[in-house]
N, C-alpha and C. Protein backbone atom coordinates (compact mmCIF):
# COMPACT_ATOMS: atom_id res chain seq x y z
N MET A 1 179.31 151.09 156.62
CA MET A 1 179.10 152.48 156.28
C MET A 1 178.72 152.60 154.80
N LEU A 2 177.66 153.33 154.54
CA LEU A 2 177.21 153.52 153.17
C LEU A 2 177.84 154.77 152.58
N THR A 3 178.32 154.64 151.35
CA THR A 3 178.86 155.81 150.65
C THR A 3 177.70 156.61 150.07
N GLY A 4 178.02 157.78 149.57
CA GLY A 4 177.01 158.60 148.92
C GLY A 4 176.40 157.89 147.72
N GLU A 5 177.25 157.15 146.99
CA GLU A 5 176.75 156.42 145.82
C GLU A 5 175.84 155.26 146.24
N ASP A 6 176.22 154.58 147.33
CA ASP A 6 175.37 153.51 147.86
C ASP A 6 173.99 154.07 148.22
N MET A 7 174.00 155.18 148.95
CA MET A 7 172.75 155.79 149.39
C MET A 7 171.92 156.27 148.20
N ALA A 8 172.56 156.80 147.18
CA ALA A 8 171.82 157.27 146.00
C ALA A 8 171.06 156.11 145.36
N VAL A 9 171.75 154.96 145.19
CA VAL A 9 171.11 153.80 144.57
C VAL A 9 170.00 153.25 145.47
N LEU A 10 170.29 153.11 146.75
CA LEU A 10 169.30 152.57 147.67
C LEU A 10 168.09 153.50 147.81
N ASN A 11 168.34 154.79 147.89
CA ASN A 11 167.22 155.73 148.02
C ASN A 11 166.35 155.75 146.77
N GLU A 12 166.97 155.63 145.60
CA GLU A 12 166.17 155.60 144.36
C GLU A 12 165.35 154.30 144.30
N ALA A 13 165.93 153.20 144.71
CA ALA A 13 165.20 151.93 144.75
C ALA A 13 164.05 152.01 145.76
N TYR A 14 164.30 152.68 146.89
CA TYR A 14 163.26 152.86 147.90
C TYR A 14 162.12 153.71 147.34
N ARG A 15 162.48 154.87 146.76
CA ARG A 15 161.46 155.76 146.18
C ARG A 15 160.66 155.03 145.10
N ASN A 16 161.36 154.29 144.28
CA ASN A 16 160.74 153.57 143.17
C ASN A 16 159.73 152.55 143.69
N SER A 17 160.12 151.73 144.64
CA SER A 17 159.22 150.71 145.16
C SER A 17 158.06 151.34 145.93
N LYS A 18 158.35 152.39 146.68
CA LYS A 18 157.30 153.08 147.44
C LYS A 18 156.28 153.71 146.48
N MET A 19 156.78 154.31 145.41
CA MET A 19 155.90 154.93 144.41
C MET A 19 155.02 153.87 143.76
N GLY A 20 155.56 152.69 143.50
CA GLY A 20 154.75 151.61 142.94
C GLY A 20 153.59 151.25 143.84
N VAL A 21 153.87 151.12 145.12
CA VAL A 21 152.82 150.78 146.09
C VAL A 21 151.78 151.89 146.16
N GLU A 22 152.26 153.13 146.28
CA GLU A 22 151.34 154.27 146.41
C GLU A 22 150.47 154.45 145.17
N THR A 23 151.05 154.23 144.01
CA THR A 23 150.29 154.35 142.77
C THR A 23 149.20 153.29 142.70
N ILE A 24 149.57 152.07 143.00
CA ILE A 24 148.57 150.98 142.97
C ILE A 24 147.48 151.24 143.99
N ASN A 25 147.85 151.68 145.20
CA ASN A 25 146.85 151.97 146.22
C ASN A 25 145.90 153.08 145.79
N ALA A 26 146.41 154.06 145.05
CA ALA A 26 145.58 155.18 144.62
C ALA A 26 144.67 154.81 143.45
N ILE A 27 145.08 153.84 142.66
CA ILE A 27 144.33 153.54 141.43
C ILE A 27 143.43 152.30 141.57
N ILE A 28 143.70 151.46 142.54
CA ILE A 28 143.02 150.16 142.61
C ILE A 28 141.50 150.29 142.75
N SER A 29 141.03 151.33 143.42
CA SER A 29 139.57 151.49 143.60
C SER A 29 138.87 151.82 142.29
N LYS A 30 139.63 152.19 141.27
CA LYS A 30 139.05 152.53 139.97
C LYS A 30 139.11 151.37 138.99
N VAL A 31 139.65 150.24 139.43
CA VAL A 31 139.83 149.08 138.56
C VAL A 31 138.62 148.17 138.69
N TYR A 32 137.98 147.93 137.54
CA TYR A 32 136.78 147.09 137.54
C TYR A 32 137.03 145.71 136.95
N ASP A 33 138.16 145.54 136.32
CA ASP A 33 138.53 144.25 135.76
C ASP A 33 139.19 143.42 136.87
N GLU A 34 138.58 142.30 137.22
CA GLU A 34 139.07 141.49 138.34
C GLU A 34 140.49 140.96 138.11
N ASP A 35 140.79 140.59 136.87
CA ASP A 35 142.13 140.07 136.57
C ASP A 35 143.19 141.16 136.75
N LEU A 36 142.89 142.36 136.25
CA LEU A 36 143.83 143.47 136.41
C LEU A 36 143.99 143.82 137.89
N ALA A 37 142.89 143.83 138.62
CA ALA A 37 142.96 144.14 140.06
C ALA A 37 143.84 143.11 140.77
N LEU A 38 143.70 141.85 140.43
CA LEU A 38 144.51 140.80 141.03
C LEU A 38 145.98 140.98 140.68
N ASP A 39 146.25 141.26 139.40
CA ASP A 39 147.64 141.48 138.98
C ASP A 39 148.25 142.69 139.71
N LEU A 40 147.49 143.77 139.82
CA LEU A 40 148.01 144.96 140.50
C LEU A 40 148.25 144.69 141.99
N ASN A 41 147.36 143.95 142.62
CA ASN A 41 147.57 143.61 144.03
C ASN A 41 148.81 142.75 144.22
N ARG A 42 149.04 141.82 143.31
CA ARG A 42 150.26 141.00 143.37
C ARG A 42 151.50 141.88 143.19
N GLN A 43 151.42 142.84 142.27
CA GLN A 43 152.54 143.75 142.06
C GLN A 43 152.78 144.59 143.32
N ALA A 44 151.71 145.04 143.95
CA ALA A 44 151.86 145.85 145.17
C ALA A 44 152.59 145.06 146.25
N VAL A 45 152.24 143.79 146.40
CA VAL A 45 152.90 142.94 147.40
C VAL A 45 154.39 142.84 147.10
N ARG A 46 154.72 142.67 145.83
CA ARG A 46 156.13 142.54 145.44
C ARG A 46 156.88 143.87 145.62
N PHE A 47 156.21 144.99 145.29
CA PHE A 47 156.82 146.30 145.53
C PHE A 47 157.10 146.50 147.03
N LEU A 48 156.15 146.08 147.86
CA LEU A 48 156.35 146.17 149.32
C LEU A 48 157.54 145.34 149.76
N SER A 49 157.71 144.18 149.17
CA SER A 49 158.84 143.33 149.48
C SER A 49 160.16 144.03 149.14
N PHE A 50 160.21 144.67 147.97
CA PHE A 50 161.41 145.43 147.59
C PHE A 50 161.64 146.59 148.57
N GLU A 51 160.57 147.27 148.90
CA GLU A 51 160.68 148.39 149.83
C GLU A 51 161.27 147.92 151.16
N ASP A 52 160.80 146.78 151.65
CA ASP A 52 161.32 146.22 152.90
C ASP A 52 162.80 145.85 152.79
N LYS A 53 163.18 145.22 151.67
CA LYS A 53 164.59 144.83 151.46
C LYS A 53 165.50 146.06 151.47
N VAL A 54 165.09 147.08 150.75
CA VAL A 54 165.90 148.29 150.64
C VAL A 54 165.98 148.99 152.00
N THR A 55 164.86 149.08 152.68
CA THR A 55 164.83 149.72 154.00
C THR A 55 165.77 149.00 154.96
N GLU A 56 165.76 147.68 154.90
CA GLU A 56 166.64 146.89 155.77
C GLU A 56 168.11 147.21 155.50
N LYS A 57 168.48 147.29 154.21
CA LYS A 57 169.88 147.60 153.85
C LYS A 57 170.28 148.98 154.38
N ILE A 58 169.38 149.93 154.27
CA ILE A 58 169.68 151.30 154.73
C ILE A 58 169.78 151.33 156.26
N ARG A 59 168.87 150.65 156.91
CA ARG A 59 168.86 150.67 158.39
C ARG A 59 170.04 149.91 158.99
N GLU A 60 170.54 148.91 158.27
CA GLU A 60 171.72 148.17 158.74
C GLU A 60 172.90 149.12 158.92
N ALA A 61 172.92 150.20 158.16
CA ALA A 61 174.00 151.20 158.25
C ALA A 61 173.58 152.38 159.12
N ASN A 62 172.55 152.17 159.93
CA ASN A 62 172.04 153.22 160.82
C ASN A 62 171.66 154.50 160.08
N GLN A 63 171.09 154.32 158.91
CA GLN A 63 170.60 155.44 158.11
C GLN A 63 169.08 155.31 157.97
N ARG A 64 168.48 156.33 157.40
CA ARG A 64 167.04 156.29 157.14
C ARG A 64 166.80 156.54 155.65
N PRO A 65 165.83 155.84 155.09
CA PRO A 65 165.54 156.09 153.67
C PRO A 65 164.94 157.48 153.50
N GLU A 66 165.22 158.09 152.35
CA GLU A 66 164.62 159.38 152.05
C GLU A 66 163.16 159.15 151.72
N THR A 67 162.30 159.84 152.41
CA THR A 67 160.87 159.69 152.15
C THR A 67 160.39 160.83 151.27
N SER A 68 159.35 160.56 150.52
CA SER A 68 158.81 161.61 149.66
C SER A 68 157.98 162.56 150.52
N SER A 69 157.88 163.75 150.05
CA SER A 69 157.16 164.78 150.80
C SER A 69 155.65 164.55 150.69
N PRO A 70 154.90 165.08 151.64
CA PRO A 70 153.44 165.00 151.54
C PRO A 70 152.94 165.68 150.26
N VAL A 71 153.65 166.70 149.81
CA VAL A 71 153.28 167.37 148.57
C VAL A 71 153.43 166.42 147.39
N GLY A 72 154.52 165.64 147.36
CA GLY A 72 154.73 164.67 146.30
C GLY A 72 153.63 163.62 146.28
N LYS A 73 153.22 163.15 147.45
CA LYS A 73 152.14 162.18 147.54
C LYS A 73 150.83 162.78 147.04
N ALA A 74 150.58 164.02 147.42
CA ALA A 74 149.37 164.70 146.98
C ALA A 74 149.37 164.89 145.47
N MET A 75 150.53 165.21 144.91
CA MET A 75 150.64 165.39 143.47
C MET A 75 150.37 164.07 142.74
N LEU A 76 150.90 162.97 143.28
CA LEU A 76 150.66 161.66 142.68
C LEU A 76 149.18 161.34 142.69
N TRP A 77 148.55 161.53 143.84
CA TRP A 77 147.13 161.23 143.98
C TRP A 77 146.30 162.09 143.02
N THR A 78 146.62 163.39 142.97
CA THR A 78 145.91 164.31 142.09
C THR A 78 146.08 163.91 140.62
N SER A 79 147.28 163.55 140.25
CA SER A 79 147.56 163.13 138.88
C SER A 79 146.73 161.90 138.51
N ILE A 80 146.68 160.94 139.41
CA ILE A 80 145.91 159.72 139.14
C ILE A 80 144.43 160.05 139.03
N GLN A 81 143.94 160.90 139.92
CA GLN A 81 142.52 161.27 139.87
C GLN A 81 142.20 161.98 138.55
N ALA A 82 143.07 162.89 138.14
CA ALA A 82 142.86 163.62 136.89
C ALA A 82 142.92 162.70 135.69
N ASN A 83 143.87 161.76 135.70
CA ASN A 83 144.05 160.85 134.57
C ASN A 83 142.94 159.80 134.46
N THR A 84 142.21 159.60 135.53
CA THR A 84 141.16 158.59 135.51
C THR A 84 139.76 159.20 135.69
N LEU A 85 139.69 160.52 135.66
CA LEU A 85 138.41 161.19 135.86
C LEU A 85 137.38 160.79 134.81
N LEU A 86 137.78 160.82 133.56
CA LEU A 86 136.86 160.54 132.47
C LEU A 86 137.05 159.15 131.86
N ASN A 87 138.12 158.48 132.25
CA ASN A 87 138.40 157.18 131.65
C ASN A 87 138.99 156.23 132.68
N THR A 88 138.20 155.27 133.10
CA THR A 88 138.69 154.25 134.04
C THR A 88 138.71 152.88 133.37
N SER A 89 138.78 152.89 132.05
CA SER A 89 138.78 151.62 131.34
C SER A 89 140.02 150.81 131.73
N THR A 90 139.90 149.51 131.60
CA THR A 90 141.00 148.60 131.90
C THR A 90 142.22 148.97 131.07
N GLU A 91 142.00 149.25 129.80
CA GLU A 91 143.10 149.59 128.91
C GLU A 91 143.81 150.87 129.37
N HIS A 92 143.05 151.87 129.77
CA HIS A 92 143.64 153.15 130.20
C HIS A 92 144.44 152.97 131.50
N VAL A 93 143.88 152.24 132.44
CA VAL A 93 144.58 152.00 133.71
C VAL A 93 145.87 151.23 133.45
N ALA A 94 145.80 150.22 132.60
CA ALA A 94 147.00 149.44 132.27
C ALA A 94 148.05 150.34 131.62
N ASP A 95 147.61 151.23 130.73
CA ASP A 95 148.52 152.15 130.06
C ASP A 95 149.19 153.08 131.08
N LEU A 96 148.43 153.60 132.02
CA LEU A 96 149.00 154.47 133.06
C LEU A 96 150.04 153.71 133.89
N MET A 97 149.74 152.46 134.20
CA MET A 97 150.66 151.65 134.99
C MET A 97 151.92 151.31 134.19
N ILE A 98 151.77 151.09 132.89
CA ILE A 98 152.93 150.84 132.03
C ILE A 98 153.83 152.08 132.04
N GLN A 99 153.22 153.25 131.91
CA GLN A 99 153.99 154.50 131.93
C GLN A 99 154.74 154.66 133.25
N GLY A 100 154.07 154.34 134.36
CA GLY A 100 154.70 154.45 135.68
C GLY A 100 155.87 153.50 135.84
N ASN A 101 155.69 152.26 135.40
CA ASN A 101 156.78 151.29 135.48
C ASN A 101 157.95 151.70 134.60
N THR A 102 157.64 152.23 133.43
CA THR A 102 158.69 152.68 132.51
C THR A 102 159.49 153.82 133.14
N ARG A 103 158.79 154.77 133.74
CA ARG A 103 159.45 155.89 134.41
C ARG A 103 160.32 155.38 135.56
N GLY A 104 159.82 154.40 136.29
CA GLY A 104 160.59 153.82 137.39
C GLY A 104 161.87 153.17 136.91
N ILE A 105 161.78 152.42 135.83
CA ILE A 105 162.98 151.78 135.26
C ILE A 105 163.98 152.84 134.82
N THR A 106 163.49 153.86 134.12
CA THR A 106 164.36 154.92 133.61
C THR A 106 165.08 155.65 134.75
N ASP A 107 164.33 156.03 135.78
CA ASP A 107 164.94 156.76 136.91
C ASP A 107 165.97 155.90 137.62
N LEU A 108 165.64 154.64 137.83
CA LEU A 108 166.56 153.73 138.52
C LEU A 108 167.81 153.47 137.68
N MET A 109 167.63 153.29 136.38
CA MET A 109 168.76 153.05 135.48
C MET A 109 169.71 154.25 135.50
N LYS A 110 169.15 155.46 135.41
CA LYS A 110 169.98 156.67 135.45
C LYS A 110 170.78 156.74 136.75
N THR A 111 170.14 156.42 137.85
CA THR A 111 170.81 156.49 139.15
C THR A 111 171.93 155.47 139.25
N VAL A 112 171.67 154.24 138.81
CA VAL A 112 172.70 153.20 138.86
C VAL A 112 173.88 153.59 137.97
N LYS A 113 173.60 154.06 136.77
CA LYS A 113 174.67 154.42 135.83
C LYS A 113 175.49 155.62 136.31
N SER A 114 174.86 156.53 137.03
CA SER A 114 175.61 157.71 137.49
C SER A 114 176.28 157.48 138.85
N ASN A 115 176.10 156.29 139.41
CA ASN A 115 176.73 155.95 140.70
C ASN A 115 177.45 154.62 140.57
N LYS A 116 178.38 154.57 139.65
CA LYS A 116 179.10 153.33 139.33
C LYS A 116 179.91 152.78 140.51
N GLY A 117 180.19 153.62 141.50
CA GLY A 117 180.97 153.17 142.65
C GLY A 117 180.13 152.52 143.74
N ALA A 118 178.83 152.43 143.53
CA ALA A 118 177.96 151.81 144.53
C ALA A 118 178.26 150.32 144.62
N LYS A 119 178.04 149.76 145.80
CA LYS A 119 178.31 148.33 146.01
C LYS A 119 177.51 147.49 145.02
N LYS A 120 178.14 146.43 144.57
CA LYS A 120 177.53 145.52 143.60
C LYS A 120 176.19 144.99 144.13
N GLU A 121 176.15 144.68 145.40
CA GLU A 121 174.93 144.14 146.03
C GLU A 121 173.75 145.10 145.85
N TYR A 122 174.00 146.40 146.00
CA TYR A 122 172.92 147.39 145.89
C TYR A 122 172.50 147.58 144.44
N CYS A 123 173.47 147.54 143.55
CA CYS A 123 173.16 147.65 142.11
C CYS A 123 172.36 146.43 141.66
N GLU A 124 172.69 145.26 142.19
CA GLU A 124 171.95 144.04 141.83
C GLU A 124 170.51 144.11 142.34
N LEU A 125 170.32 144.69 143.51
CA LEU A 125 168.97 144.87 144.05
C LEU A 125 168.18 145.81 143.13
N ALA A 126 168.83 146.87 142.68
CA ALA A 126 168.20 147.81 141.74
C ALA A 126 167.86 147.10 140.43
N GLU A 127 168.78 146.27 139.95
CA GLU A 127 168.55 145.51 138.72
C GLU A 127 167.36 144.56 138.88
N GLU A 128 167.27 143.94 140.03
CA GLU A 128 166.16 143.02 140.31
C GLU A 128 164.83 143.78 140.27
N LEU A 129 164.82 144.98 140.83
CA LEU A 129 163.62 145.81 140.81
C LEU A 129 163.28 146.22 139.37
N MET A 130 164.28 146.59 138.59
CA MET A 130 164.03 146.95 137.19
C MET A 130 163.50 145.76 136.40
N ASP A 131 164.04 144.57 136.65
CA ASP A 131 163.55 143.36 135.98
C ASP A 131 162.09 143.11 136.34
N PHE A 132 161.76 143.30 137.60
CA PHE A 132 160.37 143.14 138.05
C PHE A 132 159.46 144.11 137.32
N GLU A 133 159.89 145.37 137.20
CA GLU A 133 159.06 146.36 136.52
C GLU A 133 158.92 146.04 135.03
N GLU A 134 159.97 145.48 134.46
CA GLU A 134 159.93 145.06 133.05
C GLU A 134 158.87 143.96 132.88
N LYS A 135 158.83 143.03 133.82
CA LYS A 135 157.83 141.96 133.78
C LYS A 135 156.42 142.53 133.97
N ASN A 136 156.30 143.53 134.83
CA ASN A 136 155.00 144.19 135.02
C ASN A 136 154.51 144.76 133.70
N ILE A 137 155.40 145.42 132.98
CA ILE A 137 155.03 146.03 131.70
C ILE A 137 154.54 144.96 130.73
N GLU A 138 155.27 143.86 130.65
CA GLU A 138 154.86 142.77 129.75
C GLU A 138 153.49 142.24 130.14
N GLN A 139 153.27 142.08 131.42
CA GLN A 139 151.98 141.57 131.91
C GLN A 139 150.86 142.57 131.61
N LEU A 140 151.13 143.86 131.83
CA LEU A 140 150.13 144.88 131.62
C LEU A 140 149.77 145.07 130.14
N LYS A 141 150.71 144.75 129.27
CA LYS A 141 150.45 144.87 127.82
C LYS A 141 149.28 143.99 127.39
N SER A 142 149.06 142.91 128.11
CA SER A 142 147.95 142.01 127.73
C SER A 142 146.60 142.67 127.92
N TYR A 143 146.54 143.77 128.65
CA TYR A 143 145.29 144.49 128.88
C TYR A 143 145.03 145.59 127.85
N LEU A 144 146.02 145.81 126.99
CA LEU A 144 145.87 146.82 125.93
C LEU A 144 145.15 146.20 124.75
N LYS A 145 144.37 147.02 124.08
CA LYS A 145 143.60 146.51 122.93
C LYS A 145 144.20 147.02 121.64
């Protein structure tokens, strides 16, 4: 049985990993640098892996992960389109992805810290996801000029 704190941590990890995949899927067609495209595709695969792990933990307790609304997805897509309308440079795309990863780390950190009673296993999964996003940021910095 999952507690409310367990679900809060797992749902934030789920949202975080899902957002990573959706963001990369929305932006990848605008990436012209082959190295950046390869790095983003590798990140998407890893985000999917996290999403699967978290979903499995939630389903083991006969629960369902909280999904984002179609409006949220539309807002994400619109934001990406607006942010890349006039600038699809490698540096700009990398900067947008750095911002997204940073936001993901911040949101997940806040959730973990405000749900101290969550199972250690779920907090460690969240930590692993935050570490992955930290590595993404370091990797993406190489595309900044």
